[in-house]
Amino acid sequence: MEWISVKDKLPDREMDLLVCTDTYYMGIGWYYVSSKTWDFEIQKHTEADLGEVLFWMPLPPPPEV
């Protein structure tokens, strides 16, 4: 998988994503297509400014057990 720049493409559906921001945060995030906004898993636990999303990629599927 390769990083996708938000300048080139945005997610076309809501799904778990790996995101990278301009403050060097990397983690799980979501893009809400209807409101064109981003949300981050860690924001449930912190008030920190995580910056603007610059790159994203879909998460790989979980391993089979």
N, C-alpha and C. Protein backbone atom coordinates (compact mmCIF):
# COMPACT_ATOMS: atom_id res chain seq x y z
N MET A 1 0.83 -1.18 0.00
CA MET A 1 0.00 0.00 0.00
C MET A 1 0.88 1.24 0.00
N GLU A 2 0.37 2.27 -0.62
CA GLU A 2 1.09 3.53 -0.72
C GLU A 2 0.27 4.65 -0.10
N TRP A 3 0.97 5.66 0.43
CA TRP A 3 0.28 6.84 0.95
C TRP A 3 -0.39 7.58 -0.21
N ILE A 4 -1.57 8.12 0.06
CA ILE A 4 -2.32 8.90 -0.91
C ILE A 4 -2.40 10.33 -0.39
N SER A 5 -1.99 11.28 -1.20
CA SER A 5 -2.06 12.69 -0.81
C SER A 5 -3.51 13.16 -0.88
N VAL A 6 -3.93 13.96 0.09
CA VAL A 6 -5.29 14.52 0.05
C VAL A 6 -5.44 15.49 -1.12
N LYS A 7 -4.32 15.97 -1.66
CA LYS A 7 -4.37 16.83 -2.85
C LYS A 7 -4.76 16.04 -4.10
N ASP A 8 -4.45 14.73 -4.06
CA ASP A 8 -4.74 13.87 -5.22
C ASP A 8 -6.09 13.18 -5.14
N LYS A 9 -6.48 12.77 -3.91
CA LYS A 9 -7.71 11.99 -3.78
C LYS A 9 -8.13 11.97 -2.32
N LEU A 10 -9.45 11.98 -2.10
CA LEU A 10 -10.02 11.79 -0.76
C LEU A 10 -10.77 10.47 -0.74
N PRO A 11 -10.92 9.88 0.43
CA PRO A 11 -11.70 8.64 0.50
C PRO A 11 -13.11 8.86 -0.04
N ASP A 12 -13.64 7.85 -0.73
CA ASP A 12 -14.98 7.98 -1.30
C ASP A 12 -16.05 7.28 -0.46
N ARG A 13 -15.65 6.71 0.66
CA ARG A 13 -16.59 6.10 1.60
C ARG A 13 -15.97 6.13 2.98
N GLU A 14 -16.79 5.96 4.00
CA GLU A 14 -16.30 5.99 5.37
C GLU A 14 -15.74 4.62 5.74
N MET A 15 -14.49 4.62 6.20
CA MET A 15 -13.80 3.39 6.59
C MET A 15 -12.64 3.76 7.50
N ASP A 16 -12.10 2.78 8.20
CA ASP A 16 -10.91 3.03 9.01
C ASP A 16 -9.73 3.29 8.08
N LEU A 17 -8.93 4.31 8.43
CA LEU A 17 -7.80 4.72 7.60
C LEU A 17 -6.57 4.93 8.47
N LEU A 18 -5.41 4.82 7.88
CA LEU A 18 -4.17 5.27 8.49
C LEU A 18 -3.93 6.66 7.94
N VAL A 19 -3.73 7.65 8.83
CA VAL A 19 -3.55 9.03 8.40
C VAL A 19 -2.21 9.59 8.89
N CYS A 20 -1.69 10.57 8.19
CA CYS A 20 -0.49 11.29 8.57
C CYS A 20 -0.79 12.78 8.43
N THR A 21 -0.50 13.56 9.50
CA THR A 21 -0.84 14.98 9.50
C THR A 21 0.41 15.86 9.41
N ASP A 22 0.16 17.16 9.29
CA ASP A 22 1.27 18.11 9.22
C ASP A 22 1.97 18.31 10.57
N THR A 23 1.44 17.72 11.64
CA THR A 23 2.12 17.75 12.94
C THR A 23 2.82 16.41 13.22
N TYR A 24 2.95 15.59 12.18
CA TYR A 24 3.64 14.30 12.24
C TYR A 24 2.88 13.25 13.03
N TYR A 25 1.58 13.50 13.28
CA TYR A 25 0.76 12.45 13.89
C TYR A 25 0.48 11.39 12.84
N MET A 26 0.65 10.13 13.22
CA MET A 26 0.23 9.01 12.38
C MET A 26 -0.62 8.10 13.24
N GLY A 27 -1.79 7.76 12.75
CA GLY A 27 -2.66 6.89 13.49
C GLY A 27 -3.95 6.62 12.74
N ILE A 28 -4.91 6.05 13.46
CA ILE A 28 -6.19 5.69 12.87
C ILE A 28 -7.08 6.92 12.76
N GLY A 29 -7.70 7.07 11.63
CA GLY A 29 -8.61 8.19 11.42
C GLY A 29 -9.74 7.81 10.50
N TRP A 30 -10.67 8.74 10.34
CA TRP A 30 -11.82 8.56 9.47
C TRP A 30 -12.06 9.84 8.69
N TYR A 31 -12.54 9.70 7.49
CA TYR A 31 -12.98 10.84 6.70
C TYR A 31 -14.48 10.68 6.51
N TYR A 32 -15.24 11.71 6.91
CA TYR A 32 -16.69 11.68 6.76
C TYR A 32 -17.04 12.35 5.44
N VAL A 33 -17.44 11.56 4.48
CA VAL A 33 -17.70 12.04 3.13
C VAL A 33 -18.79 13.10 3.11
N SER A 34 -19.86 12.88 3.87
CA SER A 34 -21.00 13.81 3.82
C SER A 34 -20.64 15.20 4.34
N SER A 35 -19.79 15.28 5.39
CA SER A 35 -19.42 16.59 5.94
C SER A 35 -18.03 17.04 5.52
N LYS A 36 -17.30 16.17 4.81
CA LYS A 36 -15.94 16.46 4.35
C LYS A 36 -15.03 16.86 5.51
N THR A 37 -15.11 16.09 6.60
CA THR A 37 -14.27 16.34 7.78
C THR A 37 -13.54 15.07 8.18
N TRP A 38 -12.44 15.28 8.90
CA TRP A 38 -11.63 14.19 9.42
C TRP A 38 -11.84 14.05 10.92
N ASP A 39 -11.67 12.84 11.43
CA ASP A 39 -11.71 12.56 12.86
C ASP A 39 -10.60 11.56 13.15
N PHE A 40 -10.10 11.58 14.38
CA PHE A 40 -8.98 10.72 14.75
C PHE A 40 -9.33 9.90 15.98
N GLU A 41 -8.89 8.67 16.03
CA GLU A 41 -9.13 7.80 17.18
C GLU A 41 -8.60 8.43 18.46
N ILE A 42 -7.43 9.01 18.42
CA ILE A 42 -6.80 9.55 19.63
C ILE A 42 -7.54 10.79 20.16
N GLN A 43 -8.34 11.46 19.35
CA GLN A 43 -9.05 12.65 19.83
C GLN A 43 -10.07 12.31 20.91
N LYS A 44 -10.38 11.04 21.04
CA LYS A 44 -11.27 10.63 22.13
C LYS A 44 -10.56 10.68 23.47
N HIS A 45 -9.21 10.81 23.43
CA HIS A 45 -8.40 10.74 24.65
C HIS A 45 -7.52 11.96 24.88
N THR A 46 -7.54 12.93 23.98
CA THR A 46 -6.66 14.09 24.11
C THR A 46 -7.32 15.33 23.51
N GLU A 47 -6.87 16.47 23.96
CA GLU A 47 -7.31 17.75 23.40
C GLU A 47 -6.26 18.33 22.46
N ALA A 48 -5.19 17.59 22.21
CA ALA A 48 -4.09 18.08 21.38
C ALA A 48 -4.55 18.41 19.96
N ASP A 49 -3.93 19.42 19.38
CA ASP A 49 -4.18 19.76 17.98
C ASP A 49 -3.36 18.80 17.12
N LEU A 50 -4.03 17.95 16.38
CA LEU A 50 -3.34 16.94 15.58
C LEU A 50 -3.04 17.43 14.18
N GLY A 51 -3.45 18.65 13.86
CA GLY A 51 -3.12 19.23 12.57
C GLY A 51 -4.05 18.78 11.46
N GLU A 52 -3.62 19.10 10.25
CA GLU A 52 -4.39 18.78 9.05
C GLU A 52 -3.86 17.49 8.43
N VAL A 53 -4.76 16.65 7.97
CA VAL A 53 -4.37 15.42 7.29
C VAL A 53 -3.73 15.76 5.95
N LEU A 54 -2.55 15.21 5.71
CA LEU A 54 -1.85 15.40 4.44
C LEU A 54 -1.90 14.15 3.57
N PHE A 55 -1.84 12.97 4.24
CA PHE A 55 -1.79 11.70 3.53
C PHE A 55 -2.67 10.68 4.25
N TRP A 56 -3.15 9.71 3.51
CA TRP A 56 -3.96 8.65 4.08
C TRP A 56 -3.78 7.37 3.27
N MET A 57 -4.17 6.25 3.86
CA MET A 57 -4.23 4.98 3.15
C MET A 57 -5.20 4.06 3.88
N PRO A 58 -5.87 3.17 3.15
CA PRO A 58 -6.73 2.20 3.81
C PRO A 58 -5.90 1.28 4.70
N LEU A 59 -6.51 0.80 5.76
CA LEU A 59 -5.84 -0.20 6.59
C LEU A 59 -5.84 -1.53 5.86
N PRO A 60 -4.82 -2.34 6.07
CA PRO A 60 -4.84 -3.67 5.47
C PRO A 60 -5.89 -4.53 6.17
N PRO A 61 -6.34 -5.58 5.51
CA PRO A 61 -7.30 -6.46 6.19
C PRO A 61 -6.62 -7.16 7.36
N PRO A 62 -7.40 -7.54 8.38
CA PRO A 62 -6.80 -8.25 9.52
C PRO A 62 -6.31 -9.63 9.10
N PRO A 63 -5.34 -10.18 9.83
CA PRO A 63 -4.85 -11.51 9.49
C PRO A 63 -5.92 -12.56 9.74
N GLU A 64 -5.87 -13.61 8.97
CA GLU A 64 -6.78 -14.73 9.19
C GLU A 64 -6.25 -15.58 10.34
N VAL A 65 -7.15 -16.03 11.18
CA VAL A 65 -6.75 -16.87 12.32
C VAL A 65 -7.37 -18.23 12.21
